[in-house]
Amino acid sequence: MDFKLEVIAFNIESCILAEANGVSRIELCDNQADGGTTPSYGFIKAARKILSIELYPIIRPRGGDFLYSDEEFEIIKSDLLVCKKLGCDGVVIGLLNGDGSVDKQKTKILTELAYPMGVTFHRAFDRTKNMFEALEDIIDCGCERILTSGQKPNAIDGMDNIKAIIEKADDRITIMPGSGINSRNIIEIAQYTGATEFHSSARNFIESKMQFSQPTMNEQLTSVNLNADEVCSILNALKSC
């Protein structure tokens, strides 16, 4: 089976580690605390320059929900065009209506604007009212992939739904499980759901290299980074499937 692993990169070092350790695709993000927001122009440009693997920046102007104003939608379109100009392979988006349905009008505009880049619909899918209706809407909008935890907080608990979505999709779109996927559960998820692409944060936290730390500030300046050992463990597990 030909499996693909996508990981999140919140910094340029993680991009380097991902490619060096056999990752197929990077979801480029800023702002780990909010679950990922649009990376800066400079970050996207630097990542595209050093990477030969697929690069998909997330286009999310803020944390919180996925109901965007007209003004925010204009920001999303502008950021998408930046990714296109810089030669990214695709983008990651997710837009909903207030009633929990997919915002088909805006999503279709974005997929057409993105072409020939690919478009992944992210875990906004997990907040939809009806996942099967959302699946059909996303397919109709021209997205190539859905990132989902099966409408559960993590993919291992959402395996039944992920399997059902994959069967319903019937190869019309790629369903990529994500959230909480690691080397300890990847085989079970792969074998049970039939998925062939997977998304993992595979993260760890690194301490600051500052020699001086102001004690009166009472803070720890750690940063999130890709765990190369965990990436290798996930890929080795997939090879054994």
Protein backbone atom coordinates (compact mmCIF):
# COMPACT_ATOMS: atom_id res chain seq x y z
CA MET A 1 0.00 0.00 0.00
CA ASP A 2 1.29 3.44 -0.93
CA PHE A 3 0.76 5.59 2.16
CA LYS A 4 1.39 9.32 2.49
CA LEU A 5 2.15 11.26 5.65
CA GLU A 6 1.45 14.97 6.03
CA VAL A 7 2.79 16.86 9.03
CA ILE A 8 2.31 20.35 10.42
CA ALA A 9 5.25 22.74 10.40
CA PHE A 10 5.15 25.84 12.59
CA ASN A 11 8.73 26.88 11.83
CA ILE A 12 11.38 26.51 9.16
CA GLU A 13 13.37 23.95 11.14
CA SER A 14 10.35 21.65 11.15
CA CYS A 15 10.13 21.96 7.36
CA ILE A 16 13.75 20.85 7.02
CA LEU A 17 13.25 17.92 9.40
CA ALA A 18 10.06 16.83 7.64
CA GLU A 19 11.64 16.58 4.22
CA ALA A 20 14.80 14.93 5.54
CA ASN A 21 12.76 12.20 7.23
CA GLY A 22 10.50 11.17 4.37
CA VAL A 23 7.31 13.20 4.86
CA SER A 24 5.18 13.59 1.71
CA ARG A 25 3.51 16.92 2.44
CA ILE A 26 3.68 19.84 4.86
CA GLU A 27 0.77 21.84 6.16
CA LEU A 28 2.43 25.17 6.89
CA CYS A 29 0.95 27.04 9.85
CA ASP A 30 1.48 29.86 12.27
CA ASN A 31 0.06 30.20 15.78
CA GLN A 32 0.00 26.72 17.28
CA ALA A 33 -2.04 27.94 20.27
CA ASP A 34 -5.04 28.69 18.02
CA GLY A 35 -4.75 25.44 16.08
CA GLY A 36 -3.00 27.03 13.11
CA THR A 37 -3.49 30.29 11.25
CA THR A 38 -2.12 31.69 8.00
CA PRO A 39 1.70 31.74 7.95
CA SER A 40 3.51 34.93 7.00
CA TYR A 41 4.65 35.79 3.50
CA GLY A 42 8.27 35.42 4.56
CA PHE A 43 7.67 31.99 6.09
CA ILE A 44 5.87 30.67 3.01
CA LYS A 45 8.56 32.06 0.72
CA ALA A 46 11.38 30.52 2.77
CA ALA A 47 9.63 27.15 3.00
CA ARG A 48 8.98 27.02 -0.73
CA LYS A 49 12.61 27.88 -1.45
CA ILE A 50 14.06 25.00 0.59
CA LEU A 51 11.42 22.29 0.04
CA SER A 52 10.88 19.91 -2.85
CA ILE A 53 7.99 18.04 -1.17
CA GLU A 54 4.40 19.29 -1.35
CA LEU A 55 3.71 22.52 0.52
CA TYR A 56 0.17 23.45 1.60
CA PRO A 57 -0.14 26.59 3.75
CA ILE A 58 -3.30 26.90 5.79
CA ILE A 59 -5.39 29.95 4.90
CA ARG A 60 -7.11 30.87 8.15
CA PRO A 61 -7.07 34.55 9.12
CA ARG A 62 -7.86 33.96 12.80
CA GLY A 63 -8.53 31.32 15.41
CA GLY A 64 -12.02 30.43 16.61
CA ASP A 65 -14.87 29.34 14.36
CA PHE A 66 -15.02 29.06 10.56
CA LEU A 67 -17.79 31.55 9.88
CA TYR A 68 -16.10 34.40 8.07
CA SER A 69 -17.24 37.92 7.29
CA ASP A 70 -16.98 39.40 3.81
CA GLU A 71 -13.95 41.37 4.96
CA GLU A 72 -12.24 38.21 6.24
CA PHE A 73 -13.06 36.44 2.98
CA GLU A 74 -11.18 39.14 1.08
CA ILE A 75 -8.17 38.49 3.31
CA ILE A 76 -8.45 34.75 2.60
CA LYS A 77 -8.50 35.38 -1.16
CA SER A 78 -5.48 37.67 -0.95
CA ASP A 79 -3.48 35.16 1.08
CA LEU A 80 -4.42 32.37 -1.30
CA LEU A 81 -3.09 34.39 -4.24
CA VAL A 82 0.17 34.90 -2.34
CA CYS A 83 0.52 31.12 -2.03
CA LYS A 84 -0.17 30.74 -5.73
CA LYS A 85 2.39 33.40 -6.64
CA LEU A 86 5.03 31.75 -4.46
CA GLY A 87 4.56 28.39 -6.14
CA CYS A 88 2.85 26.39 -3.40
CA ASP A 89 1.35 23.04 -4.36
CA GLY A 90 -1.92 23.76 -2.62
CA VAL A 91 -3.72 25.43 0.24
CA VAL A 92 -5.77 24.30 3.23
CA ILE A 93 -9.12 26.03 3.82
CA GLY A 94 -12.42 25.53 5.61
CA LEU A 95 -15.48 27.78 5.54
CA LEU A 96 -18.88 27.15 7.12
CA ASN A 97 -22.28 28.78 7.26
CA GLY A 98 -23.88 29.62 10.57
CA ASP A 99 -26.22 26.63 10.33
CA GLY A 100 -23.32 24.17 10.27
CA SER A 101 -23.29 23.56 6.52
CA VAL A 102 -20.35 24.08 4.18
CA ASP A 103 -20.20 27.56 2.68
CA LYS A 104 -20.31 26.27 -0.87
CA GLN A 105 -20.39 29.69 -2.50
CA LYS A 106 -17.16 30.92 -0.92
CA THR A 107 -15.45 27.52 -1.08
CA LYS A 108 -16.12 27.17 -4.78
CA ILE A 109 -14.73 30.65 -5.42
CA LEU A 110 -11.57 29.70 -3.57
CA THR A 111 -11.03 26.39 -5.36
CA GLU A 112 -11.41 28.13 -8.71
CA LEU A 113 -9.07 30.93 -7.61
CA ALA A 114 -6.52 28.39 -6.36
CA TYR A 115 -6.28 26.38 -9.60
CA PRO A 116 -3.95 24.74 -10.52
CA MET A 117 -3.08 24.41 -6.84
CA GLY A 118 -4.83 21.66 -4.91
CA VAL A 119 -7.23 22.42 -2.06
CA THR A 120 -7.63 20.54 1.20
CA PHE A 121 -10.77 21.21 3.27
CA HIS A 122 -9.57 21.09 6.87
CA ARG A 123 -11.23 20.06 10.14
CA ALA A 124 -13.93 22.66 9.80
CA PHE A 125 -15.53 19.54 8.32
CA ASP A 126 -15.68 18.11 11.85
CA ARG A 127 -17.91 21.01 12.90
CA THR A 128 -20.53 20.44 10.20
CA LYS A 129 -24.09 19.45 11.08
CA ASN A 130 -24.27 16.52 8.65
CA MET A 131 -20.97 14.99 7.60
CA PHE A 132 -22.39 13.17 4.58
CA GLU A 133 -24.03 16.30 3.18
CA ALA A 134 -20.80 18.18 3.89
CA LEU A 135 -18.85 15.50 2.02
CA GLU A 136 -20.98 15.93 -1.10
CA ASP A 137 -20.78 19.72 -0.89
CA ILE A 138 -16.98 19.67 -0.60
CA ILE A 139 -16.67 17.28 -3.53
CA ASP A 140 -18.96 19.53 -5.56
CA CYS A 141 -16.76 22.53 -4.75
CA GLY A 142 -13.74 20.84 -6.30
CA CYS A 143 -11.61 20.14 -3.23
CA GLU A 144 -9.22 17.22 -3.53
CA ARG A 145 -8.98 16.20 0.11
CA ILE A 146 -10.74 16.39 3.49
CA LEU A 147 -8.84 16.40 6.78
CA THR A 148 -11.02 14.89 9.50
CA SER A 149 -11.01 13.23 12.88
CA GLY A 150 -14.43 11.74 12.18
CA GLN A 151 -16.24 14.50 14.10
CA LYS A 152 -14.57 13.40 17.32
CA PRO A 153 -11.75 15.18 19.19
CA ASN A 154 -9.23 12.66 17.85
CA ALA A 155 -9.06 10.20 14.98
CA ILE A 156 -8.84 7.04 17.06
CA ASP A 157 -12.26 7.80 18.59
CA GLY A 158 -13.66 8.84 15.21
CA MET A 159 -12.60 5.72 13.29
CA ASP A 160 -16.14 4.50 12.66
CA ASN A 161 -17.12 7.82 11.10
CA ILE A 162 -13.87 8.06 9.14
CA LYS A 163 -14.42 4.61 7.71
CA ALA A 164 -18.00 5.52 6.78
CA ILE A 165 -16.88 8.74 5.11
CA ILE A 166 -14.20 6.92 3.11
CA GLU A 167 -16.73 4.34 1.93
CA LYS A 168 -19.22 7.07 1.00
CA ALA A 169 -16.55 9.07 -0.82
CA ASP A 170 -15.85 6.05 -3.03
CA ASP A 171 -12.54 7.45 -4.32
CA ARG A 172 -14.12 10.73 -5.45
CA ILE A 173 -12.03 12.63 -2.90
CA THR A 174 -9.21 11.70 -0.51
CA ILE A 175 -10.18 11.40 3.15
CA MET A 176 -7.18 12.08 5.39
CA PRO A 177 -7.52 11.20 9.09
CA GLY A 178 -5.86 13.60 11.50
CA SER A 179 -5.77 14.64 15.18
CA GLY A 180 -4.00 12.54 17.74
CA ILE A 181 -2.40 10.25 15.16
CA ASN A 182 0.91 8.82 16.29
CA SER A 183 3.18 5.82 15.90
CA ARG A 184 1.21 3.87 18.52
CA ASN A 185 -2.18 4.06 16.79
CA ILE A 186 -1.41 4.62 13.10
CA ILE A 187 -1.57 0.92 12.15
CA GLU A 188 -4.95 0.43 13.80
CA ILE A 189 -6.37 3.54 12.12
CA ALA A 190 -4.98 2.60 8.71
CA GLN A 191 -6.22 -0.97 8.82
CA TYR A 192 -9.66 -0.15 10.21
CA THR A 193 -10.54 2.87 8.06
CA GLY A 194 -8.80 2.01 4.79
CA ALA A 195 -7.25 5.48 4.64
CA THR A 196 -4.05 5.94 2.65
CA GLU A 197 -3.12 9.50 3.67
CA PHE A 198 -2.58 10.63 7.25
CA HIS A 199 -2.01 13.91 9.05
CA SER A 200 0.05 14.20 12.22
CA SER A 201 1.42 17.04 14.30
CA ALA A 202 4.25 14.77 15.54
CA ARG A 203 5.31 17.65 17.72
CA ASN A 204 7.49 18.23 20.69
CA PHE A 205 8.52 21.35 22.56
CA ILE A 206 12.04 22.68 22.71
CA GLU A 207 13.57 24.91 25.33
CA SER A 208 14.90 28.34 24.52
CA LYS A 209 18.61 28.59 23.73
CA MET A 210 18.82 31.94 25.48
CA GLN A 211 21.63 32.03 28.03
CA PHE A 212 19.88 34.74 30.02
CA SER A 213 16.31 34.48 31.32
CA GLN A 214 14.73 37.34 33.22
CA PRO A 215 13.46 35.71 36.45
CA THR A 216 10.93 38.44 37.18
CA MET A 217 8.98 37.54 34.01
CA ASN A 218 8.09 34.08 35.38
CA GLU A 219 7.68 32.41 31.98
CA GLN A 220 9.03 29.54 29.93
CA LEU A 221 9.93 30.45 26.36
CA THR A 222 9.48 27.04 24.77
CA SER A 223 8.58 26.59 21.10
CA VAL A 224 6.85 23.84 19.16
CA ASN A 225 8.94 21.76 16.78
CA LEU A 226 8.62 18.62 14.66
CA ASN A 227 9.69 15.42 16.39
CA ALA A 228 11.81 13.69 13.77
CA ASP A 229 11.99 10.44 15.75
CA GLU A 230 8.19 10.25 15.91
CA VAL A 231 7.92 10.94 12.17
CA CYS A 232 10.28 8.03 11.46
CA SER A 233 8.30 5.79 13.81
CA ILE A 234 5.02 6.62 12.07
CA LEU A 235 6.48 5.99 8.62
CA ASN A 236 8.06 2.70 9.74
CA ALA A 237 4.71 1.63 11.15
CA LEU A 238 2.99 2.39 7.85
CA LYS A 239 5.57 0.36 5.97
CA SER A 240 4.63 -2.65 8.06
CA CYS A 241 0.92 -2.42 7.16
